[in-house]
Protein backbone atom coordinates (compact mmCIF):
# COMPACT_ATOMS: atom_id res chain seq x y z
CA MET A 1 -38.80 -15.71 -26.65
CA GLU A 2 -36.07 -16.88 -24.02
CA LYS A 3 -35.44 -15.32 -20.85
CA VAL A 4 -31.51 -14.72 -20.30
CA ASN A 5 -29.15 -14.82 -17.04
CA TYR A 6 -25.70 -13.89 -17.27
CA LEU A 7 -22.58 -13.07 -14.93
CA LYS A 8 -19.83 -11.74 -17.50
CA LEU A 9 -15.94 -10.26 -16.11
CA LYS A 10 -15.46 -7.95 -19.14
CA THR A 11 -13.07 -6.28 -18.44
CA LEU A 12 -9.72 -7.09 -15.74
CA THR A 13 -6.05 -5.04 -15.27
CA ILE A 14 -3.76 -5.93 -12.70
CA GLY A 15 -0.41 -4.22 -12.01
CA TYR A 16 3.32 -4.37 -9.88
CA THR A 17 5.34 -1.68 -9.41
CA LEU A 18 8.38 -2.99 -8.39
CA PRO A 19 10.07 -1.63 -4.93
CA LYS A 20 12.20 1.71 -6.04
CA ASN A 21 14.92 0.32 -3.68
CA LEU A 22 15.65 -2.08 -5.66
CA LEU A 23 16.04 -0.40 -9.30
CA LYS A 24 18.54 2.46 -7.83
CA LYS A 25 21.07 -0.55 -8.92
CA ILE A 26 20.63 -1.02 -11.77
CA TYR A 27 19.26 2.92 -12.33
CA ILE A 28 16.08 2.59 -13.86
CA LYS A 29 13.30 5.01 -12.38
CA ASP A 30 10.16 2.78 -12.04
CA VAL A 31 9.21 -0.65 -13.52
CA ARG A 32 5.45 -1.45 -13.73
CA VAL A 33 4.28 -4.27 -14.72
CA PHE A 34 0.42 -5.32 -15.68
CA PHE A 35 -1.97 -7.72 -17.48
CA SER A 36 -5.08 -6.82 -19.11
CA GLY A 37 -8.14 -9.14 -20.53
CA GLU A 38 -11.29 -8.77 -21.99
CA ASN A 39 -13.85 -10.85 -22.29
CA LEU A 40 -12.51 -13.03 -19.70
CA LEU A 41 -15.41 -14.53 -18.52
CA ASN A 42 -19.55 -15.77 -19.23
CA ILE A 43 -21.65 -17.58 -17.37
CA THR A 44 -25.26 -17.99 -19.17
CA ASN A 45 -28.31 -20.18 -18.91
CA TYR A 46 -28.49 -18.66 -22.62
CA SER A 47 -28.83 -21.66 -25.75
CA GLY A 48 -26.70 -19.18 -27.98
CA LEU A 49 -23.15 -18.34 -28.04
CA ASP A 50 -23.41 -15.15 -26.43
CA PRO A 51 -26.31 -12.77 -25.24
CA GLU A 52 -24.44 -10.14 -26.25
CA THR A 53 -24.26 -10.95 -29.89
CA VAL A 54 -28.03 -10.71 -30.93
CA ASP A 55 -28.63 -8.01 -33.78
CA ILE A 56 -29.92 -4.66 -31.53
CA ASN A 57 -32.00 -3.59 -35.13
CA THR A 58 -34.29 -7.23 -34.39
CA GLY A 59 -33.24 -8.57 -32.00
CA LEU A 60 -32.85 -11.65 -33.23
CA ASP A 61 -30.26 -14.25 -32.89
CA ASP A 62 -29.50 -15.43 -36.64
CA GLY A 63 -26.20 -17.36 -35.32
CA LYS A 64 -24.90 -15.82 -38.22
CA ASN A 65 -22.63 -13.29 -35.27
CA TYR A 66 -19.41 -14.23 -33.75
CA PRO A 67 -18.70 -14.32 -30.45
CA LEU A 68 -16.79 -11.34 -29.08
CA ALA A 69 -13.55 -12.00 -29.24
CA ARG A 70 -11.53 -12.46 -25.63
CA LYS A 71 -8.14 -10.33 -25.55
CA LEU A 72 -5.18 -10.94 -23.58
CA THR A 73 -2.33 -8.72 -22.55
CA LEU A 74 0.57 -9.05 -20.90
CA GLY A 75 2.60 -5.62 -20.79
CA ILE A 76 6.11 -3.75 -18.75
CA THR A 77 6.39 -0.43 -18.71
CA ILE A 78 10.25 0.86 -17.98
CA LYS A 79 11.09 4.51 -17.14
CA LEU A 80 14.53 5.37 -17.32
């Protein structure tokens, strides 16, 4: 057994909508730019890869589990 403390930034989304007065000139109603990320930060004293990947049935970390994937998304939404 192991006493584990950890801090995790699981999900983050940041977006910005461009001002409408800039968009009138190019005949666009709305433009939004955004960034979204999952599993961005994991600070832990755990001896394994990730404390969230322990087998929920046995409670053991046998080293066969992969750490949770980091996902990054950059996007733009345009309304004409």
